[in-house]
């Protein structure tokens, strides 16, 4: 791994994986609502949230997805990588106090296009709460060496 550029595409292989864990706090939810302006009561109002099928407040789905972005940008492929696309399927709610584990795994190297496809999963207590795939453009040692 290049500490300034993360993993170059030449260093990646299927099965490589990285993870980040974070306990989601009330402050995280409130701050995310402030940044995004998503003030849906299901996230912020416990009394209202109790009347919903979830029976209480839940974190924004995109807050969970943000942890996937953190793993991709800081660990695998890491710094210097460019996000191309992401699919997301929300499977279960994340609640304040839950410890969320974001895991990315290299699925396929698309060397001719300079891209890598990764499986992306978030879990709470071993249960999948979010899953999808990310397409990334990692750094390339070969491209750096070609520059004059």
C-alpha atoms as a PDB file:
ATOM      1  CA  UNK A   1       0.000   0.000   0.000  1.00  0.00           C
ATOM      2  CA  UNK A   2       1.238   3.446  -0.929  1.00  0.00           C
ATOM      3  CA  UNK A   3       0.544   5.614   2.177  1.00  0.00           C
ATOM      4  CA  UNK A   4      -0.260   8.659   0.027  1.00  0.00           C
ATOM      5  CA  UNK A   5      -2.253   6.864  -2.650  1.00  0.00           C
ATOM      6  CA  UNK A   6      -3.670   3.747  -0.987  1.00  0.00           C
ATOM      7  CA  UNK A   7      -3.526   0.494  -2.917  1.00  0.00           C
ATOM      8  CA  UNK A   8      -2.651   0.764  -6.580  1.00  0.00           C
ATOM      9  CA  UNK A   9      -4.763  -1.355  -8.922  1.00  0.00           C
ATOM     10  CA  UNK A  10      -1.686  -3.510  -9.532  1.00  0.00           C
ATOM     11  CA  UNK A  11      -1.674  -4.484  -5.823  1.00  0.00           C
ATOM     12  CA  UNK A  12      -5.337  -5.462  -5.558  1.00  0.00           C
ATOM     13  CA  UNK A  13      -6.672  -8.998  -5.835  1.00  0.00           C
ATOM     14  CA  UNK A  14     -10.098 -10.602  -5.400  1.00  0.00           C
ATOM     15  CA  UNK A  15     -10.842 -11.429  -1.788  1.00  0.00           C
ATOM     16  CA  UNK A  16      -8.889  -8.529  -0.256  1.00  0.00           C
ATOM     17  CA  UNK A  17     -11.045  -6.951   2.442  1.00  0.00           C
ATOM     18  CA  UNK A  18     -11.105  -4.023   4.869  1.00  0.00           C
ATOM     19  CA  UNK A  19     -13.456  -3.035   7.668  1.00  0.00           C
ATOM     20  CA  UNK A  20     -14.370  -0.079   9.861  1.00  0.00           C
ATOM     21  CA  UNK A  21     -16.621  -0.181  12.936  1.00  0.00           C
ATOM     22  CA  UNK A  22     -18.447   2.734  14.538  1.00  0.00           C
ATOM     23  CA  UNK A  23     -21.097   2.981  17.223  1.00  0.00           C
ATOM     24  CA  UNK A  24     -23.858   5.252  15.917  1.00  0.00           C
ATOM     25  CA  UNK A  25     -24.734   7.946  18.462  1.00  0.00           C
ATOM     26  CA  UNK A  26     -27.605  10.389  18.793  1.00  0.00           C
ATOM     27  CA  UNK A  27     -25.113  13.129  17.941  1.00  0.00           C
ATOM     28  CA  UNK A  28     -24.162  11.339  14.693  1.00  0.00           C
ATOM     29  CA  UNK A  29     -27.832  11.257  13.645  1.00  0.00           C
ATOM     30  CA  UNK A  30     -28.477  14.892  14.553  1.00  0.00           C
ATOM     31  CA  UNK A  31     -25.310  16.080  12.819  1.00  0.00           C
ATOM     32  CA  UNK A  32     -26.113  14.025   9.703  1.00  0.00           C
ATOM     33  CA  UNK A  33     -29.604  15.559   9.652  1.00  0.00           C
ATOM     34  CA  UNK A  34     -28.038  19.011   9.897  1.00  0.00           C
ATOM     35  CA  UNK A  35     -25.535  18.440   7.113  1.00  0.00           C
ATOM     36  CA  UNK A  36     -28.014  16.818   4.715  1.00  0.00           C
ATOM     37  CA  UNK A  37     -31.156  18.713   5.831  1.00  0.00           C
ATOM     38  CA  UNK A  38     -32.930  15.320   6.068  1.00  0.00           C
ATOM     39  CA  UNK A  39     -34.985  16.034   9.171  1.00  0.00           C
ATOM     40  CA  UNK A  40     -37.439  13.153   8.759  1.00  0.00           C
ATOM     41  CA  UNK A  41     -39.085  12.587  12.152  1.00  0.00           C
ATOM     42  CA  UNK A  42     -38.237   8.855  12.024  1.00  0.00           C
ATOM     43  CA  UNK A  43     -34.644   9.912  12.699  1.00  0.00           C
ATOM     44  CA  UNK A  44     -35.144  12.747  15.180  1.00  0.00           C
ATOM     45  CA  UNK A  45     -38.450  12.382  17.101  1.00  0.00           C
ATOM     46  CA  UNK A  46     -38.664   9.353  19.396  1.00  0.00           C
ATOM     47  CA  UNK A  47     -42.356   9.856  20.197  1.00  0.00           C
ATOM     48  CA  UNK A  48     -43.259   9.929  16.506  1.00  0.00           C
ATOM     49  CA  UNK A  49     -40.863   7.061  15.691  1.00  0.00           C
ATOM     50  CA  UNK A  50     -42.583   4.855  18.304  1.00  0.00           C
ATOM     51  CA  UNK A  51     -45.754   5.016  16.180  1.00  0.00           C
ATOM     52  CA  UNK A  52     -43.985   3.598  13.098  1.00  0.00           C
ATOM     53  CA  UNK A  53     -43.332  -0.045  12.204  1.00  0.00           C
ATOM     54  CA  UNK A  54     -39.761   0.446  13.524  1.00  0.00           C
ATOM     55  CA  UNK A  55     -41.027   1.210  17.042  1.00  0.00           C
ATOM     56  CA  UNK A  56     -38.364   3.862  17.609  1.00  0.00           C
ATOM     57  CA  UNK A  57     -35.807   6.129  15.999  1.00  0.00           C
ATOM     58  CA  UNK A  58     -33.528   4.835  13.274  1.00  0.00           C
ATOM     59  CA  UNK A  59     -30.382   6.257  11.712  1.00  0.00           C
ATOM     60  CA  UNK A  60     -30.429   7.619   8.171  1.00  0.00           C
ATOM     61  CA  UNK A  61     -29.648   4.868   5.671  1.00  0.00           C
ATOM     62  CA  UNK A  62     -27.132   7.118   3.976  1.00  0.00           C
ATOM     63  CA  UNK A  63     -25.307   7.542   7.286  1.00  0.00           C
ATOM     64  CA  UNK A  64     -24.594   3.810   7.133  1.00  0.00           C
ATOM     65  CA  UNK A  65     -23.586   4.147   3.483  1.00  0.00           C
ATOM     66  CA  UNK A  66     -21.189   6.909   4.513  1.00  0.00           C
ATOM     67  CA  UNK A  67     -19.187   4.374   6.506  1.00  0.00           C
ATOM     68  CA  UNK A  68     -18.718   2.342   3.324  1.00  0.00           C
ATOM     69  CA  UNK A  69     -17.339   5.487   1.696  1.00  0.00           C
ATOM     70  CA  UNK A  70     -14.949   5.882   4.621  1.00  0.00           C
ATOM     71  CA  UNK A  71     -13.558   2.364   4.177  1.00  0.00           C
ATOM     72  CA  UNK A  72     -13.191   2.818   0.411  1.00  0.00           C
ATOM     73  CA  UNK A  73     -11.496   6.200   0.716  1.00  0.00           C
ATOM     74  CA  UNK A  74      -9.230   5.488   3.658  1.00  0.00           C
ATOM     75  CA  UNK A  75      -8.467   1.752   3.652  1.00  0.00           C
ATOM     76  CA  UNK A  76      -9.333  -0.203   0.482  1.00  0.00           C
ATOM     77  CA  UNK A  77      -8.521   0.855  -2.164  1.00  0.00           C
ATOM     78  CA  UNK A  78      -7.684   3.866   0.019  1.00  0.00           C
ATOM     79  CA  UNK A  79      -6.429   7.424  -0.487  1.00  0.00           C
ATOM     80  CA  UNK A  80      -6.431   8.640  -4.072  1.00  0.00           C
ATOM     81  CA  UNK A  81      -9.203   6.299  -5.229  1.00  0.00           C
ATOM     82  CA  UNK A  82     -12.186   7.755  -7.095  1.00  0.00           C
ATOM     83  CA  UNK A  83     -15.764   6.616  -6.441  1.00  0.00           C
ATOM     84  CA  UNK A  84     -17.524   5.815  -9.737  1.00  0.00           C
ATOM     85  CA  UNK A  85     -20.806   4.200  -8.606  1.00  0.00           C
ATOM     86  CA  UNK A  86     -22.528   2.434  -5.729  1.00  0.00           C
ATOM     87  CA  UNK A  87     -25.614   0.221  -5.400  1.00  0.00           C
ATOM     88  CA  UNK A  88     -27.359  -0.036  -2.041  1.00  0.00           C
ATOM     89  CA  UNK A  89     -30.016  -2.342  -0.619  1.00  0.00           C
ATOM     90  CA  UNK A  90     -31.181  -1.445   2.873  1.00  0.00           C
ATOM     91  CA  UNK A  91     -32.050  -4.687   4.688  1.00  0.00           C
ATOM     92  CA  UNK A  92     -32.664  -3.632   8.307  1.00  0.00           C
ATOM     93  CA  UNK A  93     -32.671  -0.484  10.448  1.00  0.00           C
ATOM     94  CA  UNK A  94     -29.716   0.887  12.364  1.00  0.00           C
ATOM     95  CA  UNK A  95     -30.604   2.380  15.728  1.00  0.00           C
ATOM     96  CA  UNK A  96     -28.811   4.819  18.001  1.00  0.00           C
ATOM     97  CA  UNK A  97     -26.312   2.804  20.036  1.00  0.00           C
ATOM     98  CA  UNK A  98     -25.815   0.114  17.380  1.00  0.00           C
ATOM     99  CA  UNK A  99     -22.235  -0.668  16.380  1.00  0.00           C
ATOM    100  CA  UNK A 100     -22.114  -0.671  12.608  1.00  0.00           C
ATOM    101  CA  UNK A 101     -19.435  -2.668  10.775  1.00  0.00           C
ATOM    102  CA  UNK A 102     -18.754  -1.535   7.187  1.00  0.00           C
ATOM    103  CA  UNK A 103     -16.898  -4.172   5.173  1.00  0.00           C
ATOM    104  CA  UNK A 104     -15.632  -3.930   1.602  1.00  0.00           C
ATOM    105  CA  UNK A 105     -14.224  -6.858  -0.360  1.00  0.00           C
ATOM    106  CA  UNK A 106     -12.569  -6.813  -3.766  1.00  0.00           C
ATOM    107  CA  UNK A 107     -14.836  -8.774  -6.090  1.00  0.00           C
ATOM    108  CA  UNK A 108     -13.279  -8.197  -9.504  1.00  0.00           C
ATOM    109  CA  UNK A 109     -10.360  -6.317 -11.042  1.00  0.00           C
ATOM    110  CA  UNK A 110     -11.222  -4.653 -14.368  1.00  0.00           C
ATOM    111  CA  UNK A 111      -7.598  -3.899 -15.273  1.00  0.00           C
ATOM    112  CA  UNK A 112      -8.237  -2.882 -18.888  1.00  0.00           C
ATOM    113  CA  UNK A 113     -10.596  -0.139 -17.648  1.00  0.00           C
ATOM    114  CA  UNK A 114      -8.551   0.765 -14.582  1.00  0.00           C
ATOM    115  CA  UNK A 115     -11.465  -0.097 -12.304  1.00  0.00           C
ATOM    116  CA  UNK A 116     -12.180  -2.417  -9.389  1.00  0.00           C
ATOM    117  CA  UNK A 117     -15.566  -3.813  -8.308  1.00  0.00           C
ATOM    118  CA  UNK A 118     -16.084  -4.335  -4.575  1.00  0.00           C
ATOM    119  CA  UNK A 119     -18.826  -5.943  -2.501  1.00  0.00           C
ATOM    120  CA  UNK A 120     -20.005  -3.557   0.220  1.00  0.00           C
ATOM    121  CA  UNK A 121     -21.799  -4.714   3.357  1.00  0.00           C
ATOM    122  CA  UNK A 122     -22.800  -3.176   6.679  1.00  0.00           C
ATOM    123  CA  UNK A 123     -23.717  -5.351   9.639  1.00  0.00           C
ATOM    124  CA  UNK A 124     -24.969  -4.894  13.187  1.00  0.00           C
ATOM    125  CA  UNK A 125     -24.404  -7.829  15.554  1.00  0.00           C
ATOM    126  CA  UNK A 126     -23.649 -10.031  12.550  1.00  0.00           C
ATOM    127  CA  UNK A 127     -26.918  -9.151  10.777  1.00  0.00           C
ATOM    128  CA  UNK A 128     -26.695  -7.527   7.335  1.00  0.00           C
ATOM    129  CA  UNK A 129     -28.347  -4.107   7.402  1.00  0.00           C
ATOM    130  CA  UNK A 130     -27.041  -2.829   4.048  1.00  0.00           C
ATOM    131  CA  UNK A 131     -25.446  -4.457   1.004  1.00  0.00           C
ATOM    132  CA  UNK A 132     -24.355  -3.469  -2.460  1.00  0.00           C
ATOM    133  CA  UNK A 133     -21.457  -3.028  -4.850  1.00  0.00           C
ATOM    134  CA  UNK A 134     -19.052  -0.171  -5.478  1.00  0.00           C
ATOM    135  CA  UNK A 135     -17.137   0.573  -8.652  1.00  0.00           C
ATOM    136  CA  UNK A 136     -13.903   2.437  -7.980  1.00  0.00           C
ATOM    137  CA  UNK A 137     -11.016   3.875  -9.980  1.00  0.00           C
ATOM    138  CA  UNK A 138      -7.961   3.194  -7.808  1.00  0.00           C
ATOM    139  CA  UNK A 139      -4.563   4.741  -8.296  1.00  0.00           C
ATOM    140  CA  UNK A 140      -2.155   3.061 -10.728  1.00  0.00           C
ATOM    141  CA  UNK A 141       1.577   2.674 -10.339  1.00  0.00           C
ATOM    142  CA  UNK A 142       1.887   2.110 -14.115  1.00  0.00           C
ATOM    143  CA  UNK A 143       0.138   5.422 -14.860  1.00  0.00           C
ATOM    144  CA  UNK A 144       2.319   7.298 -12.378  1.00  0.00           C
ATOM    145  CA  UNK A 145       5.457   5.842 -13.979  1.00  0.00           C
ATOM    146  CA  UNK A 146       4.293   6.881 -17.472  1.00  0.00           C
ATOM    147  CA  UNK A 147       4.179  10.572 -16.565  1.00  0.00           C
ATOM    148  CA  UNK A 148       7.188  12.660 -17.699  1.00  0.00           C
END
